[in-house]
Amino acid sequence: MSTTLLRTTGFRSALRAAAPSTSARCAGLAGATFTRGKATLPDLPYDYGALEPAISGKIMELHHSKHHATYVNSLNSFSEQMGAARDSENVAAQIALQPLINFHGGGHLNHTLFWENLAPKSQGGGGAPSGELARAIEGHWGGLGKLQEEMNKALAGIQGSGWAWVVQDAQTGALGVKTYANQDPVVGQFRPILGIDAWEHAYYLQYENRKAEYFKAIWDVVNWKAAEKRYK
């Protein structure tokens, strides 16, 4: 997914978003998440219950239609306010709004990538990477199992809310694991290859305080094909 999701041009006009109906939730995620510069909630390319037992349908429904939708709606609202602040040359208001746009814009970007990271087993979820990404993982970690161990350790070490990502250094091409607090997105020097959401809303309804079980189970529905497409 392109980082054009966070283009500043999307912040200049009134924005709107709405959660999809249950009949529309299988539409392809490849569809644009901006409509005429307006943030929109992407539909999922699978049913909410398609990732069970790794992730329950109820969690997926709440996570997508409530949590992600809130990030989209808030991004729209604060972006509209930012546009008004720019038009009036209110620098103080622009400074105050920027962290809110960063947070909700990051939430939108992170979750859009996260849905792509996942797939039911019937659609190729789980398994192992192939091609150049598989060779890079083997060269850097010595195999997929070692990468999973490092990712799960990084996830367990997050205090509060955040994400763990397999990232690629845009300058050297090297892979690595990095954690990001709250909804900070992977931008700048690194590009996101594979991300796992460590916020409580991603697992608590099903796993309660046993988050290590969630970190282990989610590998059963990782969409390596999406990760391979991001790897350069």
Protein backbone atom coordinates (compact mmCIF):
# COMPACT_ATOMS: atom_id res chain seq x y z
CA MET A 1 0.00 0.00 0.00
CA SER A 2 1.47 3.31 -1.02
CA THR A 3 2.41 5.95 1.50
CA THR A 4 0.19 8.26 -0.54
CA LEU A 5 -2.35 7.38 2.14
CA LEU A 6 -0.77 10.20 4.12
CA ARG A 7 -0.48 12.80 1.37
CA THR A 8 -0.97 16.26 2.73
CA THR A 9 -3.30 17.02 -0.14
CA GLY A 10 -5.77 14.78 1.60
CA PHE A 11 -5.83 17.18 4.52
CA ARG A 12 -7.04 20.27 2.68
CA SER A 13 -10.70 19.56 2.33
CA ALA A 14 -13.51 18.12 4.37
CA LEU A 15 -13.11 14.39 4.70
CA ARG A 16 -15.56 11.64 5.37
CA ALA A 17 -15.62 7.89 5.98
CA ALA A 18 -18.13 5.22 6.87
CA ALA A 19 -17.83 1.59 7.93
CA PRO A 20 -18.87 -0.87 5.21
CA SER A 21 -22.04 -2.92 5.47
CA THR A 22 -21.63 -6.59 6.27
CA SER A 23 -22.63 -7.40 2.71
CA ALA A 24 -19.74 -5.32 1.39
CA ARG A 25 -17.01 -6.45 3.76
CA CYS A 26 -15.48 -8.92 1.30
CA ALA A 27 -14.67 -6.29 -1.29
CA GLY A 28 -11.03 -6.11 -2.34
CA LEU A 29 -8.67 -4.16 -0.11
CA ALA A 30 -6.79 -3.02 -3.19
CA GLY A 31 -9.48 -0.34 -3.65
CA ALA A 32 -8.38 3.20 -2.90
CA THR A 33 -8.64 4.30 0.72
CA PHE A 34 -8.98 7.91 -0.39
CA THR A 35 -11.87 9.16 -2.49
CA ARG A 36 -11.13 12.52 -4.08
CA GLY A 37 -8.65 13.16 -1.31
CA LYS A 38 -11.02 11.89 1.39
CA ALA A 39 -10.07 9.05 3.70
CA THR A 40 -12.29 5.97 3.47
CA LEU A 41 -12.39 2.72 5.38
CA PRO A 42 -11.10 -0.14 3.19
CA ASP A 43 -13.23 -3.25 2.92
CA LEU A 44 -11.70 -6.61 3.78
CA PRO A 45 -11.04 -9.26 1.11
CA TYR A 46 -12.36 -11.95 3.49
CA ASP A 47 -15.23 -12.41 5.94
CA TYR A 48 -14.74 -11.34 9.55
CA GLY A 49 -14.84 -14.97 10.69
CA ALA A 50 -12.46 -16.25 8.02
CA LEU A 51 -9.37 -15.98 10.24
CA GLU A 52 -10.73 -18.20 13.01
CA PRO A 53 -9.50 -19.80 15.20
CA ALA A 54 -6.43 -17.56 15.11
CA ILE A 55 -8.51 -14.36 15.33
CA SER A 56 -12.20 -14.48 16.20
CA GLY A 57 -14.82 -13.00 13.93
CA LYS A 58 -16.06 -10.75 16.71
CA ILE A 59 -12.59 -9.25 17.19
CA MET A 60 -12.21 -8.69 13.46
CA GLU A 61 -15.61 -7.01 13.25
CA LEU A 62 -14.91 -4.67 16.16
CA HIS A 63 -11.32 -4.03 15.10
CA HIS A 64 -12.21 -3.15 11.54
CA SER A 65 -15.68 -1.58 11.70
CA LYS A 66 -15.17 0.28 14.99
CA HIS A 67 -11.50 0.89 15.77
CA HIS A 68 -10.21 1.44 12.23
CA ALA A 69 -13.33 3.41 11.34
CA THR A 70 -12.67 5.71 14.30
CA TYR A 71 -9.15 6.44 13.05
CA VAL A 72 -10.54 7.25 9.61
CA ASN A 73 -13.32 9.47 10.92
CA SER A 74 -10.97 11.27 13.31
CA LEU A 75 -8.38 11.78 10.58
CA ASN A 76 -11.10 13.30 8.42
CA SER A 77 -12.29 15.63 11.17
CA PHE A 78 -8.86 16.84 12.25
CA SER A 79 -7.75 17.21 8.63
CA GLU A 80 -10.74 19.45 7.94
CA GLN A 81 -9.76 21.54 10.95
CA MET A 82 -6.19 21.65 9.67
CA GLY A 83 -7.40 22.94 6.33
CA ALA A 84 -9.33 25.71 8.05
CA ALA A 85 -6.30 26.57 10.20
CA ARG A 86 -4.10 26.80 7.12
CA ASP A 87 -6.62 28.95 5.29
CA SER A 88 -6.72 31.34 8.23
CA GLU A 89 -2.94 31.11 8.72
CA ASN A 90 -3.47 30.04 12.33
CA VAL A 91 -0.06 28.54 13.01
CA ALA A 92 -0.79 27.70 16.65
CA ALA A 93 -3.83 25.65 15.65
CA GLN A 94 -1.83 23.87 12.96
CA ILE A 95 0.83 22.88 15.47
CA ALA A 96 -1.80 21.65 17.93
CA LEU A 97 -3.56 19.58 15.27
CA GLN A 98 -0.51 17.92 13.76
CA PRO A 99 -0.02 15.25 16.50
CA LEU A 100 -3.70 14.30 16.19
CA ILE A 101 -3.41 13.94 12.43
CA ASN A 102 -0.22 11.93 12.83
CA PHE A 103 -1.87 9.58 15.33
CA HIS A 104 -5.10 8.95 13.46
CA GLY A 105 -3.40 8.99 10.07
CA GLY A 106 -0.92 6.46 11.39
CA GLY A 107 -3.78 4.35 12.71
CA HIS A 108 -5.41 4.40 9.28
CA LEU A 109 -2.19 3.54 7.47
CA ASN A 110 -1.12 0.82 9.92
CA HIS A 111 -4.47 -0.92 9.91
CA THR A 112 -4.80 -0.79 6.13
CA LEU A 113 -1.46 -2.58 5.89
CA PHE A 114 -2.43 -4.97 8.70
CA TRP A 115 -5.54 -6.24 6.91
CA GLU A 116 -3.37 -6.97 3.89
CA ASN A 117 -0.93 -8.83 6.16
CA LEU A 118 -3.64 -11.37 6.98
CA ALA A 119 -5.37 -14.08 4.96
CA PRO A 120 -7.44 -17.19 5.70
CA LYS A 121 -5.65 -20.46 5.21
CA SER A 122 -7.94 -21.11 2.25
CA GLN A 123 -6.45 -17.99 0.63
CA GLY A 124 -2.82 -18.76 1.42
CA GLY A 125 -2.59 -17.56 5.01
CA GLY A 126 0.12 -19.10 7.16
CA GLY A 127 2.84 -21.20 5.63
CA ALA A 128 6.14 -19.64 4.73
CA PRO A 129 7.48 -16.88 2.47
CA SER A 130 9.01 -17.68 -0.88
CA GLY A 131 11.34 -16.15 -3.43
CA GLU A 132 13.62 -13.24 -2.64
CA LEU A 133 11.97 -12.52 0.71
CA ALA A 134 12.47 -16.11 1.85
CA ARG A 135 16.14 -15.93 0.90
CA ALA A 136 16.55 -12.60 2.70
CA ILE A 137 14.94 -14.00 5.85
CA GLU A 138 17.17 -17.05 5.70
CA GLY A 139 20.25 -14.88 5.23
CA HIS A 140 19.43 -12.46 8.04
CA TRP A 141 17.84 -14.68 10.68
CA GLY A 142 18.72 -18.20 9.62
CA GLY A 143 15.10 -19.13 8.92
CA LEU A 144 11.48 -18.23 9.46
CA GLY A 145 11.40 -19.74 12.95
CA LYS A 146 14.13 -17.38 14.15
CA LEU A 147 12.34 -14.38 12.66
CA GLN A 148 9.13 -15.39 14.43
CA GLU A 149 11.02 -15.70 17.70
CA GLU A 150 12.47 -12.21 17.34
CA MET A 151 9.13 -10.70 16.35
CA ASN A 152 7.29 -12.35 19.23
CA LYS A 153 9.96 -11.21 21.66
CA ALA A 154 9.67 -7.66 20.33
CA LEU A 155 5.88 -7.79 20.62
CA ALA A 156 6.05 -9.07 24.19
CA GLY A 157 8.39 -6.21 25.06
CA ILE A 158 5.97 -3.47 23.99
CA GLN A 159 4.79 -1.60 27.06
CA GLY A 160 1.32 -0.29 26.45
CA SER A 161 0.14 -0.05 22.86
CA GLY A 162 2.13 -0.39 19.68
CA TRP A 163 3.24 -2.49 16.74
CA ALA A 164 6.11 -4.74 15.72
CA TRP A 165 7.19 -4.69 12.10
CA VAL A 166 9.53 -6.53 9.82
CA VAL A 167 11.03 -3.58 7.98
CA GLN A 168 13.40 -3.09 5.10
CA ASP A 169 16.01 -0.36 5.15
CA ALA A 170 15.28 1.71 2.05
CA GLN A 171 18.95 2.63 1.73
CA THR A 172 20.68 -0.72 2.30
CA GLY A 173 17.87 -3.17 1.57
CA ALA A 174 18.55 -4.98 4.84
CA LEU A 175 15.70 -6.50 6.85
CA GLY A 176 15.15 -5.95 10.55
CA VAL A 177 12.54 -5.95 13.32
CA LYS A 178 11.43 -2.66 14.82
CA THR A 179 8.72 -1.69 17.30
CA TYR A 180 6.66 1.48 17.10
CA ALA A 181 4.64 3.03 19.89
CA ASN A 182 0.93 3.72 19.65
CA GLN A 183 0.07 4.37 15.96
CA ASP A 184 3.42 5.64 14.76
CA PRO A 185 3.72 4.44 11.15
CA VAL A 186 6.75 3.00 9.40
CA VAL A 187 7.98 5.90 7.26
CA GLY A 188 11.24 7.54 6.27
CA GLN A 189 14.28 5.29 6.20
CA PHE A 190 12.30 2.08 6.53
CA ARG A 191 9.48 0.50 4.55
CA PRO A 192 6.97 -1.86 6.17
CA ILE A 193 7.08 -5.50 5.09
CA LEU A 194 4.98 -7.23 7.74
CA GLY A 195 3.28 -5.79 10.82
CA ILE A 196 1.53 -7.22 13.87
CA ASP A 197 -0.81 -5.12 15.99
CA ALA A 198 -0.05 -5.33 19.71
CA TRP A 199 -2.88 -3.08 20.88
CA GLU A 200 -5.21 -4.81 23.35
CA HIS A 201 -8.18 -4.31 21.05
CA ALA A 202 -6.48 -6.67 18.56
CA TYR A 203 -6.65 -9.68 20.90
CA TYR A 204 -8.14 -9.09 24.36
CA LEU A 205 -11.71 -10.15 23.65
CA GLN A 206 -10.45 -13.60 22.67
CA TYR A 207 -7.13 -14.07 24.47
CA GLU A 208 -7.65 -11.80 27.50
CA ASN A 209 -4.28 -11.37 29.23
CA ARG A 210 -2.68 -14.26 27.30
CA LYS A 211 -1.27 -12.05 24.59
CA ALA A 212 1.63 -14.42 23.94
CA GLU A 213 -0.94 -16.90 22.61
CA TYR A 214 -2.18 -14.26 20.16
CA PHE A 215 1.35 -13.49 19.00
CA LYS A 216 1.88 -17.19 18.33
CA ALA A 217 -1.49 -17.84 16.68
CA ILE A 218 -1.41 -14.94 14.26
CA TRP A 219 1.40 -16.56 12.26
CA ASP A 220 -1.19 -19.10 11.11
CA VAL A 221 -2.92 -16.39 9.08
CA VAL A 222 -0.01 -14.25 7.92
CA ASN A 223 -0.28 -13.36 4.25
CA TRP A 224 3.26 -13.81 3.00
CA LYS A 225 2.26 -12.97 -0.57
CA ALA A 226 1.48 -9.41 0.53
CA ALA A 227 4.82 -9.21 2.36
CA GLU A 228 6.65 -10.48 -0.71
CA LYS A 229 5.11 -7.74 -2.84
CA ARG A 230 6.40 -5.07 -0.45
CA TYR A 231 9.91 -6.44 -0.38
CA LYS A 232 12.23 -4.72 -2.87
